[in-house]
Amino acid sequence: MRIAYLDCFSGISGDMLLGALIDAGVPPKLLKDTVAALHVGAKLEISKVIRSGISATKVDVWVDGEKDMPREEYWAQDDGKHSHSHHTDHHHHHGESDAHTHAQGKSTEHKHQHVHRGLTEIRQIIRAAGISESARTTSIRIFEALGAAEAKIHHVPVESIHFHEVGAVDAIVDIVCAAVGAEALGVNEIICSPLNVGGGTVKCAHGTFPVPAPATLELLQDAPLYGSGVQAELVTPTGAAIVRTLASRFASFPELKVEKSAYGAGSRDFPGHPNVLRIVIGETGSTLDVRTNSETISVLEANLDDLNPQVFGYVMDRLLEDGALDVFGMPVQMKKNRPGTLLTVLCKPEHVGKLTQLLFAETTTLGVRRRDEVRQTLARRWESVRTEWGEVRIKIASMNGTVTNYAPEYEDCRRIAAEHHVPLKTVMQEASRAYAGRAERH
């Protein structure tokens, strides 16, 4: 199985990842075309730099002729002149693009624009871009993870989170290019090392905070973190959201036959510390441990014998919308011979609290049981195929580098069937044939 290993010994940020992807062979034109397709007034500048003796690819994002800058520099350059933009009813996030040059903004001698983009507008920008459907889906998932972390920290609904215009543009570029570039690598799985988060403090829109910043820490719950002594922010919220979404798991260096290694540079050059992100690409060994993913999931259960069946369907939908990995019900015979339903929810441990609260609020249960279990999963990826009615995503599972099964995405097929008045089974069959034909040609 072909994997990419993200070696984050100096943290990770959006543009460090873009640099590493280009260094690993992703065509620069692909990412530049992706930026152009977003229509957000941005462009990429790509160069070669040296970090502690290591040659690495550096990617800078320019927005309307202005280059991104470190957020601590952005806020330090004129504390008084920036504070007014945050005395509103919005919560702002300045997108970080580099582990050491994180927030974007225009210098105070340039014009200030205080337009803010919410998740709804950002989703629209991404959906309108000329990229693959799977890259769109991944990009939106990353942005939603970032927004959810900010929403939890500020204790507001996620849809009320607004991203500062310049920061939003930079974050959109980093996130969408990361999704497109990761797809172009052609690997079966992305694994991430433990993350060096750095140390010290960082100045943000809402004040000075210890490293890792609150949003970063929220995004990296359950991930292995450490600090090496470098007094700087090495993992940005944008980088944390990207790696949390793209990586299937966090692990030490796996058994691997190395094909290539590549480096993406951060802006700062620390003495004696190579400020780079390394990607190592290669084939895994023959043992089962390195060819399947292992993760801990939580299982929630509740016995229901007096819930309206219509409500049951609604609850299942709500649970899935709020992050459940799977939800199912089984008929059971309960005390006093009453027929009932055993509702089972599979979820990530960090989602237990809100899903348990939802079960109590939306069902008639008086108790919810929880246990943690370890599950092994096959490597999965998405590809898009074109049918005569439009694009359909295909979910592909593989073991030991060999495809074991694939299936068209139901929601895509359902939407096409409804829009074009074609039988659902016909759309699904056509999508499966399109993927099978492509696989045979390769």
Protein backbone atom coordinates (compact mmCIF):
# COMPACT_ATOMS: atom_id res chain seq x y z
CA MET A 1 0.00 0.00 0.00
CA ARG A 2 1.35 3.42 -0.97
CA ILE A 3 1.32 5.91 1.89
CA ALA A 4 2.48 9.44 2.64
CA TYR A 5 3.95 10.09 6.08
CA LEU A 6 3.85 13.65 7.40
CA ASP A 7 6.91 14.11 9.61
CA CYS A 8 5.94 17.18 11.68
CA PHE A 9 9.12 17.63 13.72
CA SER A 10 8.73 21.39 13.17
CA GLY A 11 4.96 21.49 13.21
CA ILE A 12 2.64 22.00 10.26
CA SER A 13 0.82 24.84 8.56
CA GLY A 14 -1.06 25.22 5.32
CA ASP A 15 1.71 26.65 3.17
CA MET A 16 4.36 24.34 4.64
CA LEU A 17 2.19 21.45 3.45
CA LEU A 18 1.77 23.02 0.01
CA GLY A 19 5.54 23.40 -0.27
CA ALA A 20 6.08 19.77 0.71
CA LEU A 21 3.44 18.58 -1.78
CA ILE A 22 5.12 20.48 -4.62
CA ASP A 23 8.53 19.18 -3.53
CA ALA A 24 7.05 15.67 -3.60
CA GLY A 25 6.02 16.05 -7.23
CA VAL A 26 2.59 17.67 -7.26
CA PRO A 27 2.69 19.98 -10.32
CA PRO A 28 2.91 23.66 -9.33
CA LYS A 29 0.55 24.45 -12.22
CA LEU A 30 -2.15 22.28 -10.62
CA LEU A 31 -2.10 24.36 -7.44
CA LYS A 32 -1.83 27.66 -9.32
CA ASP A 33 -4.80 26.68 -11.48
CA THR A 34 -6.68 25.73 -8.32
CA VAL A 35 -6.04 29.19 -6.83
CA ALA A 36 -7.20 30.84 -10.05
CA ALA A 37 -10.38 28.73 -10.03
CA LEU A 38 -11.28 30.09 -6.58
CA HIS A 39 -11.60 33.67 -7.89
CA VAL A 40 -10.57 35.23 -4.57
CA GLY A 41 -7.82 37.58 -5.78
CA ALA A 42 -4.95 35.36 -4.66
CA LYS A 43 -1.87 33.86 -6.27
CA LEU A 44 1.00 31.58 -5.24
CA GLU A 45 4.68 32.43 -5.20
CA ILE A 46 6.89 29.32 -5.21
CA SER A 47 10.62 29.38 -4.46
CA LYS A 48 13.50 27.28 -3.15
CA VAL A 49 14.99 28.17 0.23
CA ILE A 50 17.47 26.71 2.74
CA ARG A 51 16.44 25.94 6.31
CA SER A 52 19.35 24.85 8.56
CA GLY A 53 21.11 23.35 5.57
CA ILE A 54 18.02 21.62 4.12
CA SER A 55 16.75 22.66 0.70
CA ALA A 56 12.97 23.06 0.80
CA THR A 57 10.14 24.48 -1.29
CA LYS A 58 8.58 27.67 0.02
CA VAL A 59 5.05 28.72 -0.93
CA ASP A 60 3.80 32.23 -0.23
CA VAL A 61 0.22 33.35 -0.72
CA TRP A 62 -0.37 36.81 -2.10
CA VAL A 63 -3.80 38.41 -1.74
CA ASP A 64 -4.57 41.50 -3.84
CA GLY A 65 -0.86 42.27 -4.08
CA GLU A 66 -0.16 41.82 -0.36
CA LYS A 67 1.97 38.98 1.01
CA ASP A 68 0.94 37.11 4.14
CA MET A 69 2.76 37.99 7.34
CA PRO A 70 3.20 36.48 10.81
CA ARG A 71 0.13 37.12 12.90
CA GLU A 72 2.24 38.23 15.86
CA GLU A 73 3.80 40.81 13.52
CA TYR A 74 0.39 41.74 12.16
CA TRP A 75 -1.02 42.42 15.62
CA ALA A 76 2.20 43.94 16.97
CA GLN A 77 2.62 46.46 14.15
CA ASP A 78 -0.25 48.60 15.43
CA ASP A 79 -2.16 47.18 18.40
CA GLY A 80 -4.47 50.14 18.69
CA LYS A 81 -5.49 50.32 15.05
CA HIS A 82 -6.52 46.67 14.82
CA SER A 83 -8.54 46.36 17.97
CA HIS A 84 -11.56 48.21 16.61
CA SER A 85 -12.33 45.49 14.10
CA HIS A 86 -13.10 43.05 16.88
CA HIS A 87 -15.61 45.03 18.90
CA THR A 88 -18.52 43.57 16.96
CA ASP A 89 -20.94 40.72 17.34
CA HIS A 90 -18.76 38.48 15.16
CA HIS A 91 -16.01 36.10 16.14
CA HIS A 92 -13.06 36.41 13.81
CA HIS A 93 -10.39 33.95 12.78
CA HIS A 94 -7.26 35.16 11.03
CA GLY A 95 -6.26 32.21 8.86
CA GLU A 96 -2.74 31.00 9.44
CA SER A 97 -0.79 29.86 6.41
CA ASP A 98 2.63 29.14 7.87
CA ALA A 99 3.75 27.54 11.10
CA HIS A 100 5.80 30.64 11.80
CA THR A 101 4.11 33.29 9.62
CA HIS A 102 0.56 32.58 10.48
CA ALA A 103 -1.95 35.39 10.31
CA GLN A 104 -2.62 37.32 7.23
CA GLY A 105 -3.35 40.99 7.04
CA LYS A 106 -2.47 44.21 5.29
CA SER A 107 0.10 46.53 6.78
CA THR A 108 -1.35 49.56 8.52
CA GLU A 109 -0.07 51.87 5.84
CA HIS A 110 -2.30 49.99 3.38
CA LYS A 111 -6.05 50.02 3.20
CA HIS A 112 -8.02 48.03 5.79
CA GLN A 113 -10.97 46.00 4.69
CA HIS A 114 -13.27 44.56 7.30
CA VAL A 115 -15.41 42.32 5.15
CA HIS A 116 -16.01 38.96 6.82
CA ARG A 117 -16.89 35.62 5.30
CA GLY A 118 -18.95 33.01 7.10
CA LEU A 119 -18.93 29.29 6.44
CA THR A 120 -21.91 29.54 4.11
CA GLU A 121 -20.10 31.91 1.75
CA ILE A 122 -16.87 29.93 1.98
CA ARG A 123 -18.74 26.73 1.09
CA GLN A 124 -20.21 28.52 -1.95
CA ILE A 125 -16.75 29.66 -3.09
CA ILE A 126 -15.37 26.13 -2.79
CA ARG A 127 -18.35 24.49 -4.50
CA ALA A 128 -18.08 26.91 -7.42
CA ALA A 129 -14.39 26.16 -7.98
CA GLY A 130 -13.34 23.97 -10.88
CA ILE A 131 -11.89 21.13 -8.81
CA SER A 132 -12.89 17.50 -8.28
CA GLU A 133 -15.94 16.74 -6.17
CA SER A 134 -13.84 14.78 -3.68
CA ALA A 135 -11.47 17.75 -3.23
CA ARG A 136 -14.47 20.04 -2.69
CA THR A 137 -15.82 17.70 -0.03
CA THR A 138 -12.45 17.46 1.73
CA SER A 139 -11.95 21.23 1.62
CA ILE A 140 -15.34 21.92 3.16
CA ARG A 141 -14.73 19.30 5.86
CA ILE A 142 -11.47 21.03 6.81
CA PHE A 143 -13.10 24.44 6.99
CA GLU A 144 -15.98 23.04 9.02
CA ALA A 145 -13.51 21.50 11.48
CA LEU A 146 -11.78 24.86 11.82
CA GLY A 147 -15.08 26.65 12.31
CA ALA A 148 -16.32 24.09 14.83
CA ALA A 149 -13.18 24.54 16.93
CA GLU A 150 -13.59 28.33 16.96
CA ALA A 151 -17.30 28.01 17.72
CA LYS A 152 -16.64 25.79 20.72
CA ILE A 153 -13.98 28.13 22.08
CA HIS A 154 -16.20 31.19 21.75
CA HIS A 155 -19.36 29.27 22.76
CA VAL A 156 -21.33 30.36 19.70
CA PRO A 157 -23.05 28.47 16.85
CA VAL A 158 -20.62 27.45 14.12
CA GLU A 159 -22.54 29.36 11.45
CA SER A 160 -21.94 32.61 13.36
CA ILE A 161 -18.17 32.24 13.03
CA HIS A 162 -16.86 34.76 10.51
CA PHE A 163 -13.42 34.72 8.99
CA HIS A 164 -11.54 37.97 8.43
CA GLU A 165 -11.42 38.72 4.71
CA VAL A 166 -7.66 38.51 4.13
CA GLY A 167 -7.22 35.60 6.52
CA ALA A 168 -10.18 33.85 4.97
CA VAL A 169 -8.70 34.14 1.48
CA ASP A 170 -5.36 32.78 2.64
CA ALA A 171 -7.02 29.94 4.55
CA ILE A 172 -9.21 29.09 1.55
CA VAL A 173 -6.13 28.89 -0.67
CA ASP A 174 -4.20 26.75 1.83
CA ILE A 175 -7.08 24.41 2.53
CA VAL A 176 -8.33 23.88 -1.02
CA CYS A 177 -4.80 23.47 -2.43
CA ALA A 178 -4.01 21.01 0.37
CA ALA A 179 -7.06 18.91 -0.57
CA VAL A 180 -6.27 19.04 -4.30
CA GLY A 181 -2.54 18.37 -3.75
CA ALA A 182 -3.11 15.48 -1.36
CA GLU A 183 -5.44 13.88 -3.90
CA ALA A 184 -2.82 14.35 -6.63
CA LEU A 185 -0.20 12.45 -4.59
CA GLY A 186 -2.05 9.25 -5.43
CA VAL A 187 -1.49 7.56 -2.07
CA ASN A 188 -3.81 5.16 -0.30
CA GLU A 189 -3.33 6.68 3.12
CA ILE A 190 -1.82 9.71 4.86
CA ILE A 191 -0.30 9.10 8.31
CA CYS A 192 0.95 11.87 10.60
CA SER A 193 3.74 11.83 13.16
CA PRO A 194 3.37 13.23 16.68
CA LEU A 195 3.21 17.01 16.37
CA ASN A 196 5.84 19.42 17.65
CA VAL A 197 3.64 22.35 18.68
CA GLY A 198 6.45 24.67 19.82
CA GLY A 199 6.20 26.83 22.93
CA GLY A 200 5.96 30.33 24.34
CA THR A 201 3.06 32.61 23.48
CA VAL A 202 1.43 33.93 20.32
CA LYS A 203 -0.47 37.18 19.79
CA CYS A 204 -3.89 36.64 18.22
CA ALA A 205 -6.98 38.70 17.47
CA HIS A 206 -8.33 38.20 21.00
CA GLY A 207 -5.09 38.69 22.91
CA THR A 208 -1.88 36.84 23.76
CA PHE A 209 -2.24 33.09 24.32
CA PRO A 210 0.09 30.25 25.23
CA VAL A 211 1.20 27.90 22.46
CA PRO A 212 -0.58 25.84 21.23
CA ALA A 213 -3.36 28.36 20.58
CA PRO A 214 -6.87 27.43 21.79
CA ALA A 215 -8.21 26.52 18.34
CA THR A 216 -5.15 24.36 17.62
CA LEU A 217 -5.51 22.53 20.90
CA GLU A 218 -9.22 21.95 20.30
CA LEU A 219 -8.57 20.52 16.83
CA LEU A 220 -5.83 18.19 18.06
CA GLN A 221 -7.66 16.50 20.91
CA ASP A 222 -6.40 12.92 21.27
CA ALA A 223 -3.45 13.61 18.92
CA PRO A 224 0.10 13.09 20.29
CA LEU A 225 1.67 16.52 20.94
CA TYR A 226 5.03 17.65 22.32
CA GLY A 227 7.26 20.72 22.53
CA SER A 228 10.93 20.67 21.53
CA GLY A 229 11.96 23.92 23.21
CA VAL A 230 11.50 26.23 20.20
CA GLN A 231 9.68 29.27 21.54
CA ALA A 232 7.32 29.84 18.65
CA GLU A 233 3.97 28.61 17.35
CA LEU A 234 4.81 25.63 15.13
CA VAL A 235 1.31 24.22 14.51
CA THR A 236 -1.31 26.68 13.30
CA PRO A 237 -5.08 26.22 13.54
CA THR A 238 -5.25 25.89 9.75
CA GLY A 239 -2.48 23.30 9.76
CA ALA A 240 -4.18 21.44 12.61
CA ALA A 241 -7.52 21.37 10.76
CA ILE A 242 -5.85 20.10 7.59
CA VAL A 243 -3.91 17.30 9.26
CA ARG A 244 -6.86 16.30 11.44
CA THR A 245 -8.94 15.80 8.27
CA LEU A 246 -6.38 14.39 5.84
CA ALA A 247 -4.50 12.02 8.16
CA SER A 248 -6.12 8.70 8.95
CA ARG A 249 -4.09 8.33 12.15
CA PHE A 250 -1.12 9.58 14.19
CA ALA A 251 1.77 7.17 14.57
CA SER A 252 5.55 6.87 14.75
CA PHE A 253 7.47 6.26 11.53
CA PRO A 254 5.96 3.13 9.91
CA GLU A 255 7.63 0.18 8.26
CA LEU A 256 8.19 1.65 4.83
CA LYS A 257 10.08 1.13 1.58
CA VAL A 258 10.87 4.77 0.81
CA GLU A 259 10.12 6.05 -2.67
CA LYS A 260 10.85 9.74 -2.08
CA SER A 261 11.11 12.42 0.60
CA ALA A 262 10.23 16.07 0.23
CA TYR A 263 10.35 19.26 2.28
CA GLY A 264 8.11 22.30 2.64
CA ALA A 265 9.59 25.37 4.32
CA GLY A 266 8.31 27.66 7.02
CA SER A 267 9.19 31.36 6.80
CA ARG A 268 11.42 31.57 9.85
CA ASP A 269 14.90 30.07 9.96
CA PHE A 270 15.67 28.94 13.51
CA PRO A 271 19.35 28.39 14.37
CA GLY A 272 20.02 24.66 14.64
CA HIS A 273 16.39 23.73 13.97
CA PRO A 274 15.31 22.95 10.38
CA ASN A 275 11.98 24.70 10.07
CA VAL A 276 10.47 22.35 7.50
CA LEU A 277 7.68 19.84 7.08
CA ARG A 278 8.83 16.53 5.61
CA ILE A 279 6.69 14.19 3.53
CA VAL A 280 7.95 10.64 3.05
CA ILE A 281 6.22 8.55 0.39
CA GLY A 282 6.62 4.81 -0.04
CA GLU A 283 5.19 1.33 0.15
CA THR A 284 4.34 -0.24 3.49
CA GLY A 285 5.65 -3.62 4.62
CA SER A 286 3.80 -6.90 4.65
CA THR A 287 2.43 -6.97 8.19
CA LEU A 288 -1.25 -6.40 8.84
CA ASP A 289 -0.54 -3.75 11.50
CA VAL A 290 0.82 -1.25 9.02
CA ARG A 291 -1.75 -2.05 6.33
CA THR A 292 -4.89 -1.34 8.30
CA ASN A 293 -5.86 1.61 10.42
CA SER A 294 -6.48 1.16 14.13
CA GLU A 295 -8.50 3.67 16.11
CA THR A 296 -10.50 3.91 19.30
CA ILE A 297 -14.18 4.67 18.89
CA SER A 298 -16.96 5.10 21.42
CA VAL A 299 -20.19 3.09 21.36
CA LEU A 300 -23.35 4.68 22.81
CA GLU A 301 -26.46 2.57 23.42
CA ALA A 302 -29.97 3.33 24.58
CA ASN A 303 -33.06 1.09 24.92
CA LEU A 304 -36.23 2.72 23.60
CA ASP A 305 -39.73 1.32 24.02
CA ASP A 306 -41.97 4.38 24.01
CA LEU A 307 -40.58 6.56 21.24
CA ASN A 308 -42.64 7.55 18.21
CA PRO A 309 -41.09 5.74 15.18
CA GLN A 310 -41.19 9.00 13.20
CA VAL A 311 -39.06 10.63 15.86
CA PHE A 312 -36.60 7.71 15.70
CA GLY A 313 -35.81 8.48 12.07
CA TYR A 314 -35.33 12.15 12.88
CA VAL A 315 -32.96 11.31 15.75
CA MET A 316 -30.85 9.10 13.48
CA ASP A 317 -30.46 11.96 11.01
CA ARG A 318 -29.54 14.42 13.77
CA LEU A 319 -26.92 12.08 15.21
CA LEU A 320 -25.25 11.64 11.82
CA GLU A 321 -25.34 15.40 11.18
CA ASP A 322 -23.66 16.02 14.55
CA GLY A 323 -20.69 13.74 13.87
CA ALA A 324 -21.78 10.14 14.52
CA LEU A 325 -19.83 7.64 12.42
CA ASP A 326 -22.79 5.28 12.21
CA VAL A 327 -26.24 4.90 13.76
CA PHE A 328 -28.47 1.83 13.70
CA GLY A 329 -31.38 0.25 15.51
CA MET A 330 -32.25 -3.35 16.33
CA PRO A 331 -35.56 -4.74 17.59
CA VAL A 332 -35.39 -6.06 21.16
CA GLN A 333 -37.85 -7.53 23.65
CA MET A 334 -37.71 -5.49 26.84
CA LYS A 335 -39.05 -5.94 30.36
CA LYS A 336 -42.75 -6.68 30.78
CA ASN A 337 -42.53 -8.15 27.26
CA ARG A 338 -42.65 -4.74 25.65
CA PRO A 339 -41.17 -4.57 22.11
CA GLY A 340 -38.50 -1.93 21.80
CA THR A 341 -35.49 -0.77 19.83
CA LEU A 342 -31.82 -0.83 20.76
CA LEU A 343 -30.34 2.39 19.39
CA THR A 344 -26.56 2.16 18.83
CA VAL A 345 -24.32 5.09 17.95
CA LEU A 346 -20.68 4.81 16.86
CA CYS A 347 -18.66 7.99 17.25
CA LYS A 348 -15.27 9.48 17.99
CA PRO A 349 -14.54 9.84 21.72
CA GLU A 350 -14.51 13.63 21.46
CA HIS A 351 -18.13 13.62 20.23
CA VAL A 352 -19.52 11.55 23.11
CA GLY A 353 -20.68 14.54 25.14
CA LYS A 354 -22.76 16.31 22.52
CA LEU A 355 -24.25 13.08 21.12
CA THR A 356 -25.22 11.88 24.60
CA GLN A 357 -26.87 15.23 25.23
CA LEU A 358 -28.75 14.90 21.93
CA LEU A 359 -30.00 11.42 22.90
CA PHE A 360 -31.38 12.71 26.18
CA ALA A 361 -32.96 15.76 24.51
CA GLU A 362 -34.53 14.04 21.51
CA THR A 363 -35.51 10.57 22.79
CA THR A 364 -37.38 9.20 25.78
CA THR A 365 -34.44 7.25 27.20
CA LEU A 366 -33.48 7.72 30.83
CA GLY A 367 -29.98 6.28 30.44
CA VAL A 368 -27.21 6.02 27.85
CA ARG A 369 -24.50 3.38 28.05
CA ARG A 370 -20.98 4.03 26.77
CA ARG A 371 -17.98 1.86 26.04
CA ASP A 372 -14.80 2.34 24.04
CA GLU A 373 -13.70 -0.21 21.44
CA VAL A 374 -10.78 -0.55 19.02
CA ARG A 375 -11.62 -1.04 15.37
CA GLN A 376 -9.47 -1.89 12.36
CA THR A 377 -10.39 -0.20 9.08
CA LEU A 378 -9.23 -0.55 5.53
CA ALA A 379 -7.59 2.38 3.78
CA ARG A 380 -10.24 4.43 2.02
CA ARG A 381 -10.11 7.15 -0.59
CA TRP A 382 -12.48 8.99 -2.92
CA GLU A 383 -12.35 9.33 -6.67
CA SER A 384 -14.86 10.99 -8.98
CA VAL A 385 -16.21 9.51 -12.20
CA ARG A 386 -18.24 11.23 -14.87
CA THR A 387 -21.59 9.88 -16.00
CA GLU A 388 -23.83 11.31 -18.69
CA TRP A 389 -25.75 13.13 -15.93
CA GLY A 390 -22.81 14.50 -13.94
CA GLU A 391 -19.99 13.59 -11.55
CA VAL A 392 -20.37 10.87 -8.91
CA ARG A 393 -17.94 10.18 -6.10
CA ILE A 394 -16.75 6.60 -5.65
CA LYS A 395 -15.62 5.35 -2.23
CA ILE A 396 -12.73 2.93 -2.67
CA ALA A 397 -11.41 0.56 0.00
CA SER A 398 -8.08 -1.24 -0.32
CA MET A 399 -6.02 -3.76 1.61
CA ASN A 400 -2.30 -4.25 1.09
CA GLY A 401 -2.48 -1.88 -1.86
CA THR A 402 -5.20 -3.86 -3.63
CA VAL A 403 -8.73 -2.52 -4.10
CA THR A 404 -11.13 -4.76 -2.21
CA ASN A 405 -14.40 -2.98 -2.90
CA TYR A 406 -15.85 0.25 -4.21
CA ALA A 407 -19.27 1.88 -4.24
CA PRO A 408 -20.84 5.04 -5.67
CA GLU A 409 -21.77 7.72 -3.15
CA TYR A 410 -25.48 7.38 -2.49
CA GLU A 411 -26.18 11.10 -2.00
CA ASP A 412 -24.57 11.99 -5.35
CA CYS A 413 -26.59 9.32 -7.15
CA ARG A 414 -29.78 10.32 -5.38
CA ARG A 415 -29.33 13.99 -6.33
CA ILE A 416 -28.66 13.12 -9.99
CA ALA A 417 -31.62 10.73 -10.12
CA ALA A 418 -33.96 13.41 -8.78
CA GLU A 419 -32.60 16.19 -11.02
CA HIS A 420 -32.65 14.16 -14.25
CA HIS A 421 -35.62 11.88 -13.49
CA VAL A 422 -33.49 8.78 -13.95
CA PRO A 423 -33.94 5.61 -11.86
CA LEU A 424 -31.57 5.64 -8.90
CA LYS A 425 -30.33 2.12 -9.62
CA THR A 426 -29.47 3.18 -13.19
CA VAL A 427 -27.30 6.03 -11.95
CA MET A 428 -25.54 3.77 -9.44
CA GLN A 429 -24.92 1.09 -12.06
CA GLU A 430 -23.55 3.62 -14.54
CA ALA A 431 -21.20 5.13 -11.94
CA SER A 432 -19.91 1.67 -10.98
CA ARG A 433 -19.33 0.80 -14.65
CA ALA A 434 -17.45 4.06 -15.19
CA TYR A 435 -15.09 3.35 -12.30
CA ALA A 436 -14.60 -0.31 -13.31
CA GLY A 437 -13.71 0.79 -16.85
CA ARG A 438 -11.19 3.29 -15.54
CA ALA A 439 -9.62 0.67 -13.22
CA GLU A 440 -9.23 -1.76 -16.15
CA ARG A 441 -7.47 0.88 -18.26
CA HIS A 442 -4.98 1.47 -15.46
